[in-house]
Protein backbone atom coordinates (compact mmCIF):
# COMPACT_ATOMS: atom_id res chain seq x y z
CA MET A 1 0.09 0.78 0.03
CA SER A 2 1.37 3.36 -0.72
CA LYS A 3 2.45 5.44 2.21
CA ARG A 4 0.32 8.26 4.02
CA ILE A 5 2.47 11.73 4.50
CA ALA A 6 0.98 14.03 8.01
CA ILE A 7 2.40 17.57 8.11
CA LEU A 8 2.36 18.55 11.17
CA GLY A 9 2.18 22.54 11.40
CA TYR A 10 0.80 25.56 9.31
CA GLY A 11 3.77 28.27 9.69
CA ASN A 12 5.51 29.24 6.69
CA TRP A 13 8.61 26.35 6.57
CA ALA A 14 5.77 23.99 7.02
CA THR A 15 3.55 25.23 4.09
CA THR A 16 6.71 25.39 2.40
CA ILE A 17 7.13 21.99 2.61
CA ALA A 18 3.49 20.82 1.64
CA LYS A 19 3.94 22.56 -1.50
CA VAL A 20 7.92 20.35 -2.27
CA VAL A 21 6.00 17.08 -1.28
CA GLY A 22 2.67 17.57 -2.32
CA GLU A 23 4.37 18.42 -5.58
CA ASN A 24 6.30 15.02 -5.14
CA VAL A 25 3.84 12.32 -4.55
CA HIS A 26 3.50 12.25 -7.92
CA LYS A 27 7.20 11.28 -8.92
CA TYR A 28 6.57 7.96 -6.80
CA SER A 29 4.13 5.27 -7.06
CA GLU A 30 5.24 4.66 -2.85
CA PHE A 31 3.38 7.30 -2.15
CA ASP A 32 0.09 8.56 -0.94
CA THR A 33 -0.92 11.28 -3.39
CA THR A 34 -2.86 13.04 -1.08
CA ILE A 35 -0.97 14.79 2.20
CA ALA A 36 -2.36 15.69 5.10
CA MET A 37 -1.65 19.45 6.81
CA TRP A 38 -2.44 20.08 10.03
CA VAL A 39 -3.19 23.88 10.68
CA LYS A 40 -4.64 25.03 13.90
CA PRO A 41 -7.91 26.55 14.21
CA LYS A 42 -7.18 29.99 13.02
CA GLU A 43 -8.82 32.73 10.86
CA PHE A 44 -7.76 35.52 8.47
CA ASN A 45 -9.16 38.03 7.14
CA GLY A 46 -12.31 36.17 8.47
CA ARG A 47 -12.30 32.87 7.09
CA ARG A 48 -10.67 29.82 8.30
CA LEU A 49 -7.29 29.43 7.75
CA THR A 50 -8.38 25.43 6.73
CA ASP A 51 -10.89 26.63 4.35
CA ILE A 52 -8.47 28.80 2.76
CA ILE A 53 -5.95 26.49 1.92
CA ASN A 54 -8.60 23.66 1.08
CA GLU A 55 -10.53 26.38 -1.41
CA ASP A 56 -8.19 28.83 -2.45
CA HIS A 57 -4.71 26.87 -2.24
CA GLU A 58 -2.98 28.60 -0.18
CA ASN A 59 -1.75 29.77 3.34
CA PRO A 60 -1.72 33.58 3.06
CA ARG A 61 -1.28 34.45 6.68
CA PHE A 62 2.13 32.19 6.57
CA LEU A 63 3.08 32.67 3.09
CA PRO A 64 1.02 34.82 1.27
CA ASN A 65 1.35 34.81 -2.70
CA VAL A 66 2.62 30.67 -3.00
CA LYS A 67 0.49 28.25 -4.72
CA LEU A 68 -0.59 24.85 -3.14
CA PRO A 69 -0.89 21.66 -4.93
CA ILE A 70 -4.03 21.24 -4.84
CA ASN A 71 -3.83 17.43 -3.02
CA VAL A 72 -2.52 19.24 0.05
CA VAL A 73 -5.69 19.19 2.26
CA ALA A 74 -5.75 21.32 5.53
CA PHE A 75 -7.58 19.91 8.63
CA SER A 76 -7.89 21.70 12.12
CA CYS A 77 -8.11 18.01 14.31
CA LEU A 78 -4.61 17.15 14.62
CA LYS A 79 -5.97 13.33 15.42
CA ASP A 80 -7.37 13.56 12.18
CA ALA A 81 -4.48 14.99 10.25
CA VAL A 82 -2.42 11.45 11.79
CA LYS A 83 -5.33 8.98 11.33
CA ASN A 84 -3.72 6.07 9.03
CA ALA A 85 -0.22 8.67 8.22
CA ASN A 86 3.13 6.24 7.58
CA ILE A 87 5.38 9.51 7.76
CA LEU A 88 4.99 12.57 9.74
CA ILE A 89 6.32 15.25 8.99
CA PHE A 90 6.87 17.76 12.81
CA VAL A 91 7.43 21.33 11.28
CA THR A 92 5.92 23.39 14.56
CA PRO A 93 7.59 25.70 16.77
CA HIS A 94 9.77 23.39 19.20
CA GLN A 95 7.81 24.77 22.02
CA MET A 96 4.79 22.54 20.57
CA VAL A 97 6.29 19.79 20.72
CA GLU A 98 5.79 18.28 24.08
CA ASP A 99 1.72 18.97 23.50
CA VAL A 100 1.81 18.07 20.37
CA CYS A 101 3.21 14.83 21.06
CA THR A 102 0.55 14.60 23.76
CA GLN A 103 -2.46 14.96 21.57
CA ILE A 104 -1.23 12.72 19.28
CA LYS A 105 -0.44 9.48 21.10
CA GLY A 106 -1.97 6.29 21.18
CA HIS A 107 -3.68 7.80 17.12
CA VAL A 108 -0.18 7.20 15.59
CA HIS A 109 0.14 4.66 13.09
CA GLU A 110 1.75 1.25 14.24
CA GLU A 111 4.62 1.24 11.52
CA ALA A 112 5.18 5.38 11.37
CA VAL A 113 8.25 6.77 11.40
CA GLY A 114 9.04 10.71 11.62
CA ILE A 115 11.09 13.06 10.80
CA SER A 116 11.34 16.58 12.31
CA LEU A 117 12.31 19.91 10.75
CA ILE A 118 12.39 21.85 13.93
CA LYS A 119 15.13 24.22 14.91
CA GLY A 120 15.24 24.70 18.50
CA MET A 121 15.07 22.61 22.44
CA ALA A 122 12.84 20.49 23.54
CA THR A 123 11.94 22.29 27.02
CA LYS A 124 10.36 20.85 30.40
CA ALA A 125 8.25 21.92 32.88
CA ASP A 126 11.30 21.55 35.45
CA GLY A 127 13.48 23.41 33.27
CA SER A 128 15.46 20.94 31.39
CA ALA A 129 15.95 20.94 27.76
CA SER A 130 16.49 17.66 25.26
CA ALA A 131 16.65 17.14 21.35
CA ILE A 132 13.34 17.62 20.03
CA SER A 133 13.41 14.46 18.33
CA ASP A 134 14.15 12.54 21.70
CA GLU A 135 10.84 14.15 22.79
CA ILE A 136 9.41 13.07 19.59
CA ARG A 137 10.48 9.15 20.05
CA GLY A 138 9.83 9.20 24.12
CA HIS A 139 6.49 9.98 23.26
CA LEU A 140 5.54 8.43 20.14
CA ASN A 141 8.41 5.52 20.45
CA ILE A 142 8.38 6.10 16.40
CA ASP A 143 11.99 6.24 14.71
CA ILE A 144 13.33 9.51 14.18
CA SER A 145 14.91 11.26 11.15
CA VAL A 146 15.70 14.98 10.88
CA LEU A 147 16.18 17.62 8.23
CA MET A 148 18.10 21.11 8.01
CA GLY A 149 19.70 23.20 6.07
CA ALA A 150 20.39 26.94 4.93
CA ASN A 151 16.15 26.89 3.91
CA LEU A 152 14.93 30.25 4.24
CA ALA A 153 10.98 29.29 3.76
CA ALA A 154 10.16 32.49 1.41
CA GLU A 155 13.30 31.81 -1.60
CA VAL A 156 12.83 27.52 -1.41
CA ALA A 157 8.87 28.26 -1.81
CA THR A 158 9.59 30.82 -4.93
CA GLY A 159 11.87 28.05 -6.59
CA GLY A 160 14.96 29.51 -5.24
CA PHE A 161 18.20 26.71 -5.55
CA ALA A 162 18.75 25.85 -1.52
CA GLU A 163 20.69 22.51 -0.17
CA ALA A 164 19.22 20.70 3.18
CA THR A 165 20.64 17.43 5.20
CA VAL A 166 18.64 15.19 6.13
CA GLY A 167 19.68 12.97 9.14
CA CYS A 168 18.96 9.54 9.95
CA ILE A 169 20.55 6.02 11.00
CA HIS A 170 18.67 3.46 8.71
CA PRO A 171 19.66 3.94 4.99
CA GLU A 172 15.82 3.17 3.79
CA HIS A 173 14.21 5.43 5.71
CA GLY A 174 16.91 8.15 4.24
CA GLU A 175 16.52 7.34 0.89
CA MET A 176 12.64 7.69 1.20
CA PHE A 177 12.98 10.79 2.37
CA GLN A 178 15.61 11.76 -0.43
CA ARG A 179 12.64 10.76 -2.95
CA MET A 180 10.26 12.71 -0.98
CA PHE A 181 11.94 15.95 -0.48
CA ASP A 182 15.00 16.19 -3.59
CA THR A 183 14.07 18.54 -6.17
CA GLU A 184 15.96 20.31 -9.11
CA ASN A 185 16.11 23.19 -6.77
CA PHE A 186 16.17 22.31 -3.56
CA ARG A 187 18.75 19.07 -3.12
CA ILE A 188 19.25 16.94 -0.21
CA ASN A 189 22.39 14.55 1.41
CA VAL A 190 21.61 12.28 3.61
CA VAL A 191 24.05 11.36 6.56
CA ARG A 192 23.72 9.03 9.60
CA ASP A 193 24.83 12.43 12.32
CA VAL A 194 21.53 12.68 13.16
CA TYR A 195 22.27 14.41 16.23
CA THR A 196 24.76 16.85 14.43
CA VAL A 197 22.59 18.17 12.05
CA GLU A 198 19.05 18.29 14.41
CA MET A 199 21.83 20.52 17.39
CA CYS A 200 23.20 22.19 14.11
CA GLY A 201 19.85 23.97 13.55
CA ALA A 202 19.19 25.14 17.06
CA LEU A 203 21.91 26.22 17.95
CA LYS A 204 23.24 28.43 15.33
CA ASN A 205 19.80 30.79 15.47
CA ILE A 206 22.01 31.80 18.92
CA ILE A 207 24.38 32.90 16.42
CA ALA A 208 22.71 34.62 14.68
CA CYS A 209 20.91 36.43 18.01
CA ALA A 210 24.64 37.26 18.16
CA VAL A 211 24.70 39.07 14.81
CA GLY A 212 21.43 40.92 14.85
CA PHE A 213 23.23 43.20 18.48
CA ALA A 214 26.06 43.49 16.07
CA GLU A 215 24.16 44.89 13.82
CA GLY A 216 22.40 47.05 16.26
CA LEU A 217 25.70 48.11 17.85
CA ARG A 218 26.61 49.28 14.43
CA PHE A 219 29.55 46.81 14.10
CA GLY A 220 31.90 45.98 11.26
CA THR A 221 31.82 43.37 8.81
CA ASN A 222 35.13 42.10 10.60
CA ALA A 223 33.13 41.58 13.91
CA LYS A 224 30.51 40.14 13.02
CA ALA A 225 32.75 37.68 11.12
CA ALA A 226 34.41 36.58 13.87
CA ILE A 227 31.15 35.87 15.26
CA ILE A 228 30.41 33.75 12.90
CA ARG A 229 34.34 32.05 13.29
CA LEU A 230 33.67 31.62 17.07
CA GLY A 231 29.94 30.59 16.89
CA MET A 232 30.69 27.87 15.16
CA HIS A 233 33.19 26.71 17.59
CA GLU A 234 31.00 26.91 20.29
CA MET A 235 28.14 24.56 17.76
CA ILE A 236 30.68 22.00 17.73
CA LYS A 237 32.40 22.06 21.16
CA PHE A 238 28.33 21.87 22.55
CA ILE A 239 27.70 19.39 19.84
CA GLU A 240 31.05 17.24 20.75
CA THR A 241 30.36 17.60 24.88
CA PHE A 242 27.10 16.54 24.73
CA TYR A 243 26.24 14.43 22.04
CA PRO A 244 29.21 12.96 21.44
CA GLY A 245 30.36 10.88 18.24
CA SER A 246 30.02 13.38 15.72
CA ASP A 247 32.02 13.39 12.40
CA LEU A 248 33.91 17.34 11.91
CA LYS A 249 32.39 16.70 7.82
CA THR A 250 28.25 16.88 8.97
CA PHE A 251 29.38 20.88 10.05
CA PHE A 252 30.31 21.10 6.90
CA GLU A 253 26.85 20.05 5.16
CA SER A 254 23.97 22.35 4.24
CA CYS A 255 22.79 21.86 8.46
CA GLY A 256 25.56 23.45 9.72
CA LEU A 257 28.05 26.32 7.98
CA ALA A 258 25.57 27.04 5.44
CA ASP A 259 22.71 27.54 6.87
CA LEU A 260 24.74 30.07 10.24
CA ILE A 261 25.45 31.56 7.49
CA ALA A 262 22.06 31.69 5.82
CA THR A 263 20.58 32.43 8.90
CA CYS A 264 23.45 35.36 10.04
CA GLU A 265 22.09 37.32 6.69
CA GLY A 266 18.63 37.60 6.68
CA GLY A 267 16.52 35.25 9.27
CA ARG A 268 14.41 36.71 11.26
CA ASN A 269 16.41 36.13 14.64
CA LYS A 270 18.72 38.74 12.90
CA ARG A 271 16.14 41.03 12.30
CA VAL A 272 14.65 40.89 16.29
CA CYS A 273 18.29 41.00 18.02
CA GLU A 274 19.00 44.03 15.78
CA ALA A 275 15.46 45.79 16.60
CA PHE A 276 16.03 44.73 20.43
CA VAL A 277 19.18 46.53 20.54
CA LYS A 278 17.73 49.62 19.81
CA SER A 279 14.79 50.05 22.23
CA ASP A 280 14.16 49.49 25.78
CA LYS A 281 11.52 46.97 25.47
CA ALA A 282 11.70 43.41 26.43
CA MET A 283 12.71 40.47 23.70
CA HIS A 284 8.86 39.32 23.35
CA GLU A 285 7.27 43.14 22.59
CA VAL A 286 10.35 43.64 20.07
CA GLU A 287 8.90 40.45 18.29
CA LYS A 288 5.29 41.37 17.84
CA GLU A 289 6.96 44.56 16.89
CA VAL A 290 9.05 43.50 14.25
CA ILE A 291 7.58 39.76 12.98
CA ALA A 292 4.36 39.56 11.00
CA ASN A 293 1.88 36.96 11.21
CA GLY A 294 2.55 35.79 14.94
CA GLN A 295 5.54 34.01 13.84
CA SER A 296 8.58 34.02 15.94
CA ALA A 297 12.49 34.27 17.14
CA GLN A 298 13.63 30.62 18.33
CA GLY A 299 17.18 32.19 18.93
CA PRO A 300 16.11 34.16 22.05
CA PRO A 301 14.83 30.67 23.96
CA THR A 302 16.65 28.30 22.15
CA ALA A 303 19.93 30.39 24.00
CA SER A 304 17.56 29.93 27.23
CA GLU A 305 17.27 26.40 27.17
CA ILE A 306 21.12 25.94 26.35
CA TYR A 307 22.19 28.46 29.41
CA THR A 308 20.39 26.49 31.48
CA ILE A 309 21.83 22.54 30.28
CA LEU A 310 25.12 24.80 30.52
CA SER A 311 24.80 25.77 33.95
CA GLN A 312 23.27 23.07 35.18
CA VAL A 313 27.12 21.61 34.86
CA GLY A 314 28.77 24.41 35.57
CA LEU A 315 29.64 25.01 31.57
CA GLU A 316 28.84 29.29 30.89
CA ASP A 317 32.26 30.48 30.88
CA SER A 318 33.18 27.90 28.08
CA PHE A 319 30.81 28.86 26.08
CA PRO A 320 30.71 32.90 25.97
CA ILE A 321 28.82 33.44 23.10
CA PHE A 322 25.90 31.18 23.70
CA THR A 323 26.49 32.70 27.66
CA VAL A 324 26.30 36.33 26.50
CA VAL A 325 23.30 36.03 23.59
CA HIS A 326 21.05 34.96 26.45
CA ARG A 327 22.03 37.41 29.24
CA ILE A 328 21.47 40.62 27.19
CA CYS A 329 18.23 38.67 25.65
CA THR A 330 17.10 39.08 29.53
CA ARG A 331 18.86 42.44 30.05
CA GLN A 332 20.90 41.32 32.56
CA VAL A 333 24.43 42.67 30.81
CA PRO A 334 23.65 45.59 28.04
CA ALA A 335 24.25 44.90 24.89
CA SER A 336 27.20 46.10 24.68
CA GLU A 337 28.58 43.59 26.74
CA LEU A 338 29.73 41.29 23.27
CA LYS A 339 32.42 43.34 22.34
CA ASN A 340 34.31 42.35 25.41
CA CYS A 341 32.89 38.45 25.13
CA LEU A 342 34.50 38.81 21.05
CA LYS A 343 37.07 40.18 22.67
CA ASN A 344 38.37 38.02 25.63
CA HIS A 345 36.68 34.68 24.15
CA THR A 346 38.52 31.69 24.93
CA LEU A 347 40.08 30.85 21.68
CA HIS A 348 41.69 34.04 21.48
CA GLN A 349 45.36 32.43 22.18
CA THR A 350 48.02 34.22 24.30
CA VAL A 351 51.59 34.64 24.05
CA GLN A 352 53.54 32.78 27.14
CA SER A 353 55.74 34.69 28.42
CA LYS A 354 59.32 34.32 27.55
CA GLU A 355 60.18 32.01 30.40
CA ASP A 356 57.35 29.22 29.05
CA SER A 357 57.97 29.86 25.24
CA SER A 358 61.46 28.53 25.77
CA SER A 359 60.01 24.99 24.60
CA ASN A 360 58.17 26.39 22.01
CA SER A 361 59.92 28.08 19.12
CA SER A 362 56.07 29.72 18.06
CA GLY A 363 56.12 31.27 21.56
CA VAL A 364 52.40 30.78 21.34
CA SER A 365 50.23 28.41 23.73
CA TYR A 366 48.20 25.57 22.03
C-alpha cells in the first residue's frame, strides 16, 4: 500500500514543505498523493485558514502569494491529520512539540516513522531541555530522522536554489526521505550523524542573535565574521560535549556552516535582535513588532534553554557567545557586553611569557 504523509505544522516553513512534498509525491508510486496538513484553528480576513488552504490552495497568513498543490488537504484536528499516516513530518515551533505529541499519542500508525524539521530544543516543566527528536521518540516510540539546512522558507517556496541535510540512522528511510524532499532546486544530502544535524539547526539561531546585536551596535563586517567563526566553534564544542561522536564533515553540510551563514545573513532572529538593541522593550514585545503573522524568533528561547543546560554543569564560561546572548536577551547585561565577549573569548590564544616559551619555538600556547 502507498504511504500516507501527514505534515504537523502550518507556518511558512511547514507550508513550503507541503508544497515541495505535495508536488514530489506524484513522481513515486510508493506515496499516497493526498498530503494531510494540520493547521491550528485560526482565521484570516474572516475565514478559517483551513478553508482558505482547501479552497484557494494557499496560506496567505504565513506564505502569501504561493500556490499549494491541490492534493494538500488541511485538517484542524491533529488526530484526523495523523490518522493512518505512515510518515509524520514535524514542523511546529519547538515549544509546541510536547503538546502535539501528547495529543496524537495512541493515534499514530504502529509502523509510522517521523522526521523533524524543527530547529530548537524541547523543554520540560523543570527547566531541562533535550533534542526534539528524543522528545518525539520518547512520546510516540517511533523512529525519528531530522532535516535541517540553509532553508529560508520564502526562497525555497518560490523555487530558489537551496540545499538541506537529512540525518537518518536507517539507510532505507534516508532514501525514502530523499525521494520525498529532493527536487531540482532543493537538493537533499543524507548523513547518519543525526544529533549533529539536529543540534546545528538549534544552535545557529543563537549565533544569529549575536550577529543581530552586532548589527544594532553598528559593529563592522570583521566583527560579525568573528562572531560567526567563534560561534561555529562553540556549536562544534557543545555538540561534542553533550552529543559525542559527531563527524566533523557534517558541520560542513548544509545543516552546519551554510545554515549558520544564511541565518546570520537574513533570518528573523537577526532582525529581532538588531531591533532589540535599539529598544528598551522586552524581547517578546520587540518580536511582535518585527515579525508579522504571529511567528516567532527561536534564537532567544533556545539561548535560554542552552544556558540552563550549561549552568547545570558549570560550563557557562566555556561557551561565551551562547552565554552572553542569553544574558543580553534577558537584559541581565547590556548589549555592549558582546564586544567584551569577543575580545576575551576563550579561543583567543595568549602569547606565552618569555620563560614559558623557551620550549615552544612559536611562542604561542596550544
